[in-house]
Structures are given as structure tokens and as C-alpha cells.
Amino acid sequence: MTDTRTRLTADLKTAMLARDAERVGTLRMIQAKIKDADIAARPGPPLEEAALTPVFRSMVKSRRESIELYRQGNRPELVAKEEAEIAVIEAYLPQAMDDATLAAAVDAAIASSGATSAKEMGKVMAALKAAHGAALDMGRAGPLVKAKLA
């Protein structure tokens, strides 16, 4: 088992002992999502540590989309539930870059790739991903790269 999987199991046991039903539910949901991703990766081996980050990011993204819908539907109790789930999931994500660091990384990737127009955005994104990997949120980086190349 990887570090994240071991940590998830330990956190689940702690939450169960504390009788924290909401946290237990969220942690079980995370484990189920990881298991689904492992099954989808078959016949190969289970996902490695770095491959879990996109799984967590997609879980957070779907909850943020749900929050917007719940706000439009005036359902504050469901908004609170989704926000609590996001907080638990984000604990397993690598530390995200702050805005200044992200801007500096984008500038460095543009310089190293030699991109001059928005048509070359793919080169810059590939350079960013290669240099920063899981610490980089591509959803935040994409619009910034596009703006700087425009």
C-alpha cells in the first residue's frame, strides 16, 4: 500500500473510533473512488501515489460544481455537506502553489518552451506538468498561460 492509502485507512479507523459519521462516510467514499480507479487501470497494477492526485482533484471539482447548483437551489444544508467533504478530500492533495509561485512557474515555462502565441499553449502546459507534476493545478494554470500568451 502507498502512503496515501495507509493514511486513509488510519484516518478511517480514527474517525470510526471518534464516531464521526460524516468523516467516516467521506473517507469510505474516497477509498471507493480509488478502488474504482484501480479497477479501471486493470489489467495493470493499482494506481501509484502520483496517479491518485487527479482522482482527488476530480472529486473536489465535482463537489464545487454541486455547491454552485445547491446555492442556486437555495439548499444551504447541502452546500455545507459538500464543503465538509471538500475539506476532507483536500487534506490528501499535495500543497497547491500560491498565485505568485504559479505565475513565476508559468513565466519560466513560457521562456523555456519558447512559446509566443496561444497556438503553442500545449508546449507550455507540457513543460509546466513536467516541471511541477502533482503540485500544479492545471485548472488554475491553463487560464493564466492563455492570458500570458494572448
N, C-alpha and C. Protein backbone atom coordinates (compact mmCIF):
# COMPACT_ATOMS: atom_id res chain seq x y z
N MET A 1 0.85 -1.20 0.00
CA MET A 1 0.00 0.00 0.00
C MET A 1 0.88 1.25 0.00
N THR A 2 0.38 2.28 -0.61
CA THR A 2 1.13 3.53 -0.67
C THR A 2 0.86 4.35 0.59
N ASP A 3 1.60 5.43 0.73
CA ASP A 3 1.45 6.29 1.90
C ASP A 3 0.04 6.85 2.02
N THR A 4 -0.54 7.31 0.93
CA THR A 4 -1.88 7.89 0.97
C THR A 4 -2.90 6.83 1.35
N ARG A 5 -2.77 5.67 0.82
CA ARG A 5 -3.72 4.60 1.15
C ARG A 5 -3.61 4.20 2.62
N THR A 6 -2.39 4.11 3.12
CA THR A 6 -2.17 3.79 4.53
C THR A 6 -2.75 4.88 5.42
N ARG A 7 -2.50 6.12 5.03
CA ARG A 7 -3.02 7.26 5.80
C ARG A 7 -4.55 7.27 5.80
N LEU A 8 -5.15 6.97 4.65
CA LEU A 8 -6.60 6.90 4.56
C LEU A 8 -7.17 5.85 5.50
N THR A 9 -6.56 4.69 5.53
CA THR A 9 -7.02 3.61 6.41
C THR A 9 -6.90 4.02 7.87
N ALA A 10 -5.77 4.62 8.23
CA ALA A 10 -5.58 5.06 9.61
C ALA A 10 -6.58 6.15 9.99
N ASP A 11 -6.80 7.09 9.08
CA ASP A 11 -7.76 8.16 9.35
C ASP A 11 -9.17 7.62 9.48
N LEU A 12 -9.50 6.61 8.68
CA LEU A 12 -10.82 5.99 8.76
C LEU A 12 -11.02 5.33 10.12
N LYS A 13 -10.00 4.62 10.58
CA LYS A 13 -10.10 3.97 11.89
C LYS A 13 -10.28 5.01 12.99
N THR A 14 -9.53 6.09 12.91
CA THR A 14 -9.64 7.16 13.91
C THR A 14 -11.03 7.77 13.90
N ALA A 15 -11.56 8.03 12.71
CA ALA A 15 -12.90 8.62 12.59
C ALA A 15 -13.97 7.66 13.11
N MET A 16 -13.78 6.38 12.87
CA MET A 16 -14.74 5.39 13.37
C MET A 16 -14.73 5.34 14.90
N LEU A 17 -13.54 5.37 15.48
CA LEU A 17 -13.43 5.36 16.93
C LEU A 17 -14.03 6.62 17.54
N ALA A 18 -13.90 7.74 16.82
CA ALA A 18 -14.45 9.01 17.31
C ALA A 18 -15.94 9.13 17.01
N ARG A 19 -16.49 8.14 16.32
CA ARG A 19 -17.91 8.13 15.93
C ARG A 19 -18.29 9.37 15.12
N ASP A 20 -17.38 9.77 14.23
CA ASP A 20 -17.60 10.92 13.35
C ASP A 20 -18.18 10.38 12.04
N ALA A 21 -19.50 10.24 12.00
CA ALA A 21 -20.18 9.59 10.88
C ALA A 21 -19.94 10.29 9.55
N GLU A 22 -19.94 11.61 9.54
CA GLU A 22 -19.75 12.32 8.27
C GLU A 22 -18.35 12.09 7.71
N ARG A 23 -17.34 12.15 8.57
CA ARG A 23 -15.97 11.93 8.12
C ARG A 23 -15.78 10.48 7.67
N VAL A 24 -16.37 9.54 8.41
CA VAL A 24 -16.28 8.13 8.02
C VAL A 24 -16.87 7.94 6.63
N GLY A 25 -18.03 8.54 6.38
CA GLY A 25 -18.67 8.42 5.07
C GLY A 25 -17.81 8.99 3.96
N THR A 26 -17.20 10.14 4.20
CA THR A 26 -16.35 10.76 3.18
C THR A 26 -15.10 9.92 2.92
N LEU A 27 -14.48 9.42 3.98
CA LEU A 27 -13.27 8.61 3.81
C LEU A 27 -13.59 7.30 3.08
N ARG A 28 -14.73 6.70 3.38
CA ARG A 28 -15.12 5.49 2.66
C ARG A 28 -15.38 5.79 1.19
N MET A 29 -15.97 6.95 0.93
CA MET A 29 -16.23 7.36 -0.44
C MET A 29 -14.90 7.54 -1.20
N ILE A 30 -13.91 8.13 -0.54
CA ILE A 30 -12.59 8.32 -1.16
C ILE A 30 -11.98 6.95 -1.48
N GLN A 31 -12.05 6.03 -0.52
CA GLN A 31 -11.48 4.70 -0.76
C GLN A 31 -12.20 3.99 -1.91
N ALA A 32 -13.51 4.15 -1.99
CA ALA A 32 -14.26 3.53 -3.09
C ALA A 32 -13.85 4.12 -4.43
N LYS A 33 -13.65 5.43 -4.48
CA LYS A 33 -13.24 6.09 -5.72
C LYS A 33 -11.86 5.59 -6.16
N ILE A 34 -10.95 5.43 -5.20
CA ILE A 34 -9.61 4.92 -5.51
C ILE A 34 -9.71 3.48 -6.03
N LYS A 35 -10.56 2.68 -5.39
CA LYS A 35 -10.73 1.29 -5.84
C LYS A 35 -11.29 1.25 -7.25
N ASP A 36 -12.26 2.13 -7.55
CA ASP A 36 -12.81 2.21 -8.90
C ASP A 36 -11.71 2.55 -9.91
N ALA A 37 -10.84 3.50 -9.55
CA ALA A 37 -9.74 3.90 -10.44
C ALA A 37 -8.76 2.74 -10.62
N ASP A 38 -8.50 1.98 -9.55
CA ASP A 38 -7.61 0.81 -9.65
C ASP A 38 -8.21 -0.23 -10.60
N ILE A 39 -9.52 -0.45 -10.49
CA ILE A 39 -10.20 -1.41 -11.35
C ILE A 39 -10.15 -0.95 -12.81
N ALA A 40 -10.32 0.34 -13.03
CA ALA A 40 -10.26 0.88 -14.39
C ALA A 40 -8.86 0.74 -14.99
N ALA A 41 -7.84 0.70 -14.14
CA ALA A 41 -6.46 0.59 -14.62
C ALA A 41 -6.06 -0.85 -14.94
N ARG A 42 -6.93 -1.79 -14.64
CA ARG A 42 -6.60 -3.19 -14.91
C ARG A 42 -6.45 -3.44 -16.39
N PRO A 43 -5.67 -4.36 -16.84
CA PRO A 43 -5.00 -5.42 -16.12
C PRO A 43 -3.67 -5.00 -15.51
N GLY A 44 -3.36 -3.75 -15.54
CA GLY A 44 -2.11 -3.27 -14.95
C GLY A 44 -2.18 -3.24 -13.43
N PRO A 45 -1.10 -2.75 -12.81
CA PRO A 45 -1.06 -2.68 -11.35
C PRO A 45 -1.96 -1.55 -10.83
N PRO A 46 -2.24 -1.55 -9.52
CA PRO A 46 -3.02 -0.44 -8.93
C PRO A 46 -2.31 0.89 -9.16
N LEU A 47 -3.07 1.97 -9.08
CA LEU A 47 -2.51 3.29 -9.29
C LEU A 47 -1.39 3.60 -8.31
N GLU A 48 -0.39 4.32 -8.81
CA GLU A 48 0.69 4.75 -7.95
C GLU A 48 0.29 6.03 -7.23
N GLU A 49 1.11 6.44 -6.29
CA GLU A 49 0.83 7.61 -5.46
C GLU A 49 0.52 8.86 -6.29
N ALA A 50 1.35 9.13 -7.30
CA ALA A 50 1.17 10.34 -8.13
C ALA A 50 -0.12 10.30 -8.93
N ALA A 51 -0.60 9.12 -9.27
CA ALA A 51 -1.82 9.00 -10.06
C ALA A 51 -3.08 9.20 -9.23
N LEU A 52 -2.95 9.25 -7.92
CA LEU A 52 -4.11 9.49 -7.06
C LEU A 52 -4.51 10.96 -7.04
N THR A 53 -3.57 11.85 -7.28
CA THR A 53 -3.86 13.28 -7.24
C THR A 53 -4.96 13.68 -8.21
N PRO A 54 -4.92 13.25 -9.48
CA PRO A 54 -6.03 13.60 -10.37
C PRO A 54 -7.38 13.05 -9.90
N VAL A 55 -7.37 11.90 -9.24
CA VAL A 55 -8.61 11.34 -8.71
C VAL A 55 -9.18 12.28 -7.66
N PHE A 56 -8.31 12.75 -6.75
CA PHE A 56 -8.76 13.66 -5.69
C PHE A 56 -9.22 14.99 -6.27
N ARG A 57 -8.48 15.49 -7.26
CA ARG A 57 -8.85 16.78 -7.87
C ARG A 57 -10.22 16.68 -8.56
N SER A 58 -10.49 15.55 -9.21
CA SER A 58 -11.80 15.41 -9.87
C SER A 58 -12.92 15.33 -8.85
N MET A 59 -12.65 14.72 -7.70
CA MET A 59 -13.65 14.65 -6.64
C MET A 59 -13.97 16.06 -6.12
N VAL A 60 -12.93 16.85 -5.92
CA VAL A 60 -13.12 18.22 -5.44
C VAL A 60 -13.87 19.04 -6.48
N LYS A 61 -13.49 18.89 -7.75
CA LYS A 61 -14.14 19.65 -8.82
C LYS A 61 -15.63 19.34 -8.89
N SER A 62 -15.99 18.07 -8.80
CA SER A 62 -17.41 17.72 -8.89
C SER A 62 -18.19 18.27 -7.70
N ARG A 63 -17.57 18.32 -6.54
CA ARG A 63 -18.25 18.89 -5.37
C ARG A 63 -18.41 20.40 -5.50
N ARG A 64 -17.43 21.06 -6.08
CA ARG A 64 -17.56 22.51 -6.29
C ARG A 64 -18.69 22.82 -7.27
N GLU A 65 -18.82 21.99 -8.29
CA GLU A 65 -19.93 22.17 -9.24
C GLU A 65 -21.26 21.94 -8.54
N SER A 66 -21.32 20.95 -7.67
CA SER A 66 -22.55 20.68 -6.92
C SER A 66 -22.89 21.84 -6.00
N ILE A 67 -21.86 22.42 -5.38
CA ILE A 67 -22.09 23.56 -4.48
C ILE A 67 -22.78 24.69 -5.22
N GLU A 68 -22.32 24.97 -6.44
CA GLU A 68 -22.94 26.04 -7.22
C GLU A 68 -24.42 25.74 -7.49
N LEU A 69 -24.71 24.50 -7.84
CA LEU A 69 -26.10 24.12 -8.10
C LEU A 69 -26.94 24.21 -6.83
N TYR A 70 -26.38 23.78 -5.71
CA TYR A 70 -27.12 23.85 -4.45
C TYR A 70 -27.36 25.29 -4.02
N ARG A 71 -26.40 26.15 -4.29
CA ARG A 71 -26.60 27.57 -3.96
C ARG A 71 -27.72 28.16 -4.81
N GLN A 72 -27.76 27.80 -6.08
CA GLN A 72 -28.83 28.28 -6.95
C GLN A 72 -30.19 27.75 -6.50
N GLY A 73 -30.19 26.55 -5.95
CA GLY A 73 -31.43 25.94 -5.49
C GLY A 73 -31.76 26.28 -4.05
N ASN A 74 -30.97 27.16 -3.43
CA ASN A 74 -31.19 27.59 -2.05
C ASN A 74 -31.23 26.39 -1.09
N ARG A 75 -30.16 25.58 -1.14
CA ARG A 75 -30.05 24.40 -0.28
C ARG A 75 -28.78 24.50 0.58
N PRO A 76 -28.77 25.40 1.58
CA PRO A 76 -27.56 25.62 2.37
C PRO A 76 -27.06 24.39 3.12
N GLU A 77 -27.94 23.49 3.50
CA GLU A 77 -27.51 22.29 4.23
C GLU A 77 -26.68 21.38 3.33
N LEU A 78 -27.03 21.31 2.04
CA LEU A 78 -26.27 20.50 1.10
C LEU A 78 -24.95 21.18 0.73
N VAL A 79 -24.96 22.51 0.68
CA VAL A 79 -23.72 23.26 0.44
C VAL A 79 -22.73 22.95 1.56
N ALA A 80 -23.20 22.99 2.81
CA ALA A 80 -22.34 22.73 3.95
C ALA A 80 -21.77 21.31 3.91
N LYS A 81 -22.59 20.34 3.50
CA LYS A 81 -22.15 18.95 3.41
C LYS A 81 -21.05 18.81 2.37
N GLU A 82 -21.25 19.42 1.21
CA GLU A 82 -20.25 19.34 0.13
C GLU A 82 -18.95 20.04 0.54
N GLU A 83 -19.06 21.17 1.20
CA GLU A 83 -17.86 21.89 1.66
C GLU A 83 -17.08 21.07 2.67
N ALA A 84 -17.79 20.36 3.55
CA ALA A 84 -17.12 19.49 4.52
C ALA A 84 -16.39 18.35 3.81
N GLU A 85 -17.00 17.80 2.78
CA GLU A 85 -16.35 16.73 2.01
C GLU A 85 -15.12 17.25 1.30
N ILE A 86 -15.20 18.46 0.75
CA ILE A 86 -14.04 19.07 0.08
C ILE A 86 -12.89 19.21 1.06
N ALA A 87 -13.17 19.66 2.28
CA ALA A 87 -12.12 19.84 3.28
C ALA A 87 -11.41 18.52 3.58
N VAL A 88 -12.16 17.42 3.66
CA VAL A 88 -11.55 16.12 3.93
C VAL A 88 -10.72 15.68 2.73
N ILE A 89 -11.25 15.81 1.53
CA ILE A 89 -10.54 15.38 0.32
C ILE A 89 -9.26 16.19 0.12
N GLU A 90 -9.34 17.51 0.32
CA GLU A 90 -8.17 18.36 0.09
C GLU A 90 -7.02 18.05 1.04
N ALA A 91 -7.31 17.41 2.16
CA ALA A 91 -6.24 17.03 3.09
C ALA A 91 -5.30 16.01 2.46
N TYR A 92 -5.75 15.31 1.43
CA TYR A 92 -4.94 14.30 0.76
C TYR A 92 -4.28 14.80 -0.52
N LEU A 93 -4.56 16.04 -0.89
CA LEU A 93 -3.93 16.63 -2.07
C LEU A 93 -2.59 17.25 -1.68
N PRO A 94 -1.63 17.27 -2.60
CA PRO A 94 -0.37 17.96 -2.31
C PRO A 94 -0.63 19.46 -2.15
N GLN A 95 0.25 20.13 -1.42
CA GLN A 95 0.11 21.57 -1.20
C GLN A 95 0.10 22.30 -2.54
N ALA A 96 -0.94 23.08 -2.77
CA ALA A 96 -1.07 23.81 -4.04
C ALA A 96 -0.16 25.04 -4.04
N MET A 97 0.22 25.43 -5.25
CA MET A 97 1.05 26.63 -5.40
C MET A 97 0.21 27.87 -5.13
N ASP A 98 0.83 28.88 -4.53
CA ASP A 98 0.12 30.15 -4.38
C ASP A 98 0.18 30.89 -5.71
N ASP A 99 -0.55 32.00 -5.81
CA ASP A 99 -0.67 32.71 -7.09
C ASP A 99 0.66 33.22 -7.62
N ALA A 100 1.50 33.75 -6.73
CA ALA A 100 2.79 34.29 -7.17
C ALA A 100 3.69 33.18 -7.69
N THR A 101 3.74 32.07 -7.00
CA THR A 101 4.57 30.95 -7.43
C THR A 101 4.07 30.38 -8.75
N LEU A 102 2.75 30.29 -8.89
CA LEU A 102 2.17 29.80 -10.13
C LEU A 102 2.52 30.72 -11.29
N ALA A 103 2.41 32.02 -11.09
CA ALA A 103 2.75 32.98 -12.14
C ALA A 103 4.22 32.87 -12.54
N ALA A 104 5.09 32.70 -11.55
CA ALA A 104 6.52 32.54 -11.84
C ALA A 104 6.78 31.25 -12.61
N ALA A 105 6.09 30.18 -12.24
CA ALA A 105 6.25 28.90 -12.93
C ALA A 105 5.79 29.01 -14.38
N VAL A 106 4.67 29.71 -14.60
CA VAL A 106 4.15 29.89 -15.96
C VAL A 106 5.15 30.71 -16.79
N ASP A 107 5.68 31.78 -16.21
CA ASP A 107 6.67 32.60 -16.93
C ASP A 107 7.89 31.77 -17.31
N ALA A 108 8.36 30.94 -16.38
CA ALA A 108 9.54 30.10 -16.65
C ALA A 108 9.22 29.07 -17.74
N ALA A 109 8.03 28.50 -17.71
CA ALA A 109 7.66 27.50 -18.73
C ALA A 109 7.52 28.14 -20.11
N ILE A 110 6.99 29.37 -20.16
CA ILE A 110 6.88 30.08 -21.43
C ILE A 110 8.27 30.37 -21.99
N ALA A 111 9.17 30.81 -21.11
CA ALA A 111 10.53 31.10 -21.54
C ALA A 111 11.25 29.84 -22.01
N SER A 112 11.11 28.74 -21.26
CA SER A 112 11.84 27.52 -21.62
C SER A 112 11.29 26.86 -22.88
N SER A 113 9.99 27.00 -23.13
CA SER A 113 9.41 26.37 -24.32
C SER A 113 9.52 27.26 -25.55
N GLY A 114 9.78 28.54 -25.34
CA GLY A 114 9.90 29.46 -26.46
C GLY A 114 8.57 29.80 -27.11
N ALA A 115 7.48 29.58 -26.41
CA ALA A 115 6.15 29.85 -26.95
C ALA A 115 5.92 31.34 -27.08
N THR A 116 5.26 31.73 -28.17
CA THR A 116 5.00 33.15 -28.40
C THR A 116 3.53 33.44 -28.67
N SER A 117 2.73 32.40 -28.93
CA SER A 117 1.32 32.63 -29.23
C SER A 117 0.46 31.58 -28.53
N ALA A 118 -0.84 31.83 -28.51
CA ALA A 118 -1.77 30.91 -27.86
C ALA A 118 -1.80 29.55 -28.56
N LYS A 119 -1.37 29.50 -29.82
CA LYS A 119 -1.33 28.22 -30.54
C LYS A 119 -0.31 27.26 -29.92
N GLU A 120 0.66 27.81 -29.20
CA GLU A 120 1.71 27.00 -28.59
C GLU A 120 1.45 26.73 -27.10
N MET A 121 0.22 26.90 -26.69
CA MET A 121 -0.15 26.70 -25.29
C MET A 121 0.14 25.28 -24.82
N GLY A 122 -0.03 24.30 -25.68
CA GLY A 122 0.23 22.90 -25.34
C GLY A 122 1.66 22.67 -24.91
N LYS A 123 2.61 23.33 -25.59
CA LYS A 123 4.02 23.19 -25.23
C LYS A 123 4.27 23.71 -23.81
N VAL A 124 3.66 24.85 -23.51
CA VAL A 124 3.84 25.46 -22.19
C VAL A 124 3.22 24.58 -21.11
N MET A 125 2.02 24.06 -21.37
CA MET A 125 1.35 23.20 -20.39
C MET A 125 2.16 21.92 -20.15
N ALA A 126 2.73 21.36 -21.22
CA ALA A 126 3.56 20.16 -21.07
C ALA A 126 4.80 20.45 -20.24
N ALA A 127 5.42 21.61 -20.48
CA ALA A 127 6.60 22.00 -19.69
C ALA A 127 6.23 22.19 -18.22
N LEU A 128 5.08 22.81 -17.97
CA LEU A 128 4.63 23.00 -16.59
C LEU A 128 4.39 21.67 -15.90
N LYS A 129 3.73 20.77 -16.58
CA LYS A 129 3.41 19.47 -15.99
C LYS A 129 4.69 18.68 -15.71
N ALA A 130 5.63 18.73 -16.63
CA ALA A 130 6.88 18.02 -16.43
C ALA A 130 7.68 18.60 -15.27
N ALA A 131 7.64 19.91 -15.12
CA ALA A 131 8.44 20.56 -14.07
C ALA A 131 7.80 20.47 -12.69
N HIS A 132 6.46 20.51 -12.63
CA HIS A 132 5.82 20.64 -11.32
C HIS A 132 4.90 19.49 -10.95
N GLY A 133 4.49 18.68 -11.90
CA GLY A 133 3.72 17.48 -11.62
C GLY A 133 2.47 17.71 -10.79
N ALA A 134 2.36 16.97 -9.69
CA ALA A 134 1.15 16.95 -8.87
C ALA A 134 0.90 18.26 -8.12
N ALA A 135 1.94 19.04 -7.90
CA ALA A 135 1.76 20.30 -7.16
C ALA A 135 1.03 21.35 -7.99
N LEU A 136 0.93 21.09 -9.29
CA LEU A 136 0.32 22.06 -10.19
C LEU A 136 -1.13 21.72 -10.46
N ASP A 137 -2.00 22.69 -10.25
CA ASP A 137 -3.42 22.54 -10.58
C ASP A 137 -3.59 23.07 -12.00
N MET A 138 -3.76 22.15 -12.95
CA MET A 138 -3.84 22.54 -14.36
C MET A 138 -5.05 23.43 -14.62
N GLY A 139 -6.09 23.29 -13.83
CA GLY A 139 -7.28 24.13 -13.98
C GLY A 139 -7.00 25.60 -13.68
N ARG A 140 -6.07 25.86 -12.78
CA ARG A 140 -5.68 27.24 -12.48
C ARG A 140 -4.61 27.72 -13.46
N ALA A 141 -3.75 26.81 -13.89
CA ALA A 141 -2.63 27.19 -14.75
C ALA A 141 -3.08 27.52 -16.17
N GLY A 142 -4.05 26.77 -16.69
CA GLY A 142 -4.49 26.95 -18.08
C GLY A 142 -4.90 28.37 -18.42
N PRO A 143 -5.83 28.96 -17.67
CA PRO A 143 -6.24 30.34 -17.99
C PRO A 143 -5.10 31.35 -17.87
N LEU A 144 -4.19 31.11 -16.92
CA LEU A 144 -3.07 32.03 -16.75
C LEU A 144 -2.12 31.96 -17.95
N VAL A 145 -1.84 30.74 -18.42
CA VAL A 145 -0.99 30.56 -19.60
C VAL A 145 -1.64 31.22 -20.81
N LYS A 146 -2.93 31.00 -20.97
CA LYS A 146 -3.66 31.56 -22.10
C LYS A 146 -3.61 33.09 -22.09
N ALA A 147 -3.77 33.68 -20.91
CA ALA A 147 -3.73 35.12 -20.78
C ALA A 147 -2.35 35.69 -21.11
N LYS A 148 -1.30 34.98 -20.66
CA LYS A 148 0.05 35.48 -20.90
C LYS A 148 0.48 35.32 -22.35
N LEU A 149 -0.08 34.33 -23.03
CA LEU A 149 0.28 34.14 -24.44
C LEU A 149 -0.59 34.95 -25.40
N ALA A 150 -1.66 35.51 -24.90
CA ALA A 150 -2.58 36.26 -25.77
C ALA A 150 -2.00 37.61 -26.14
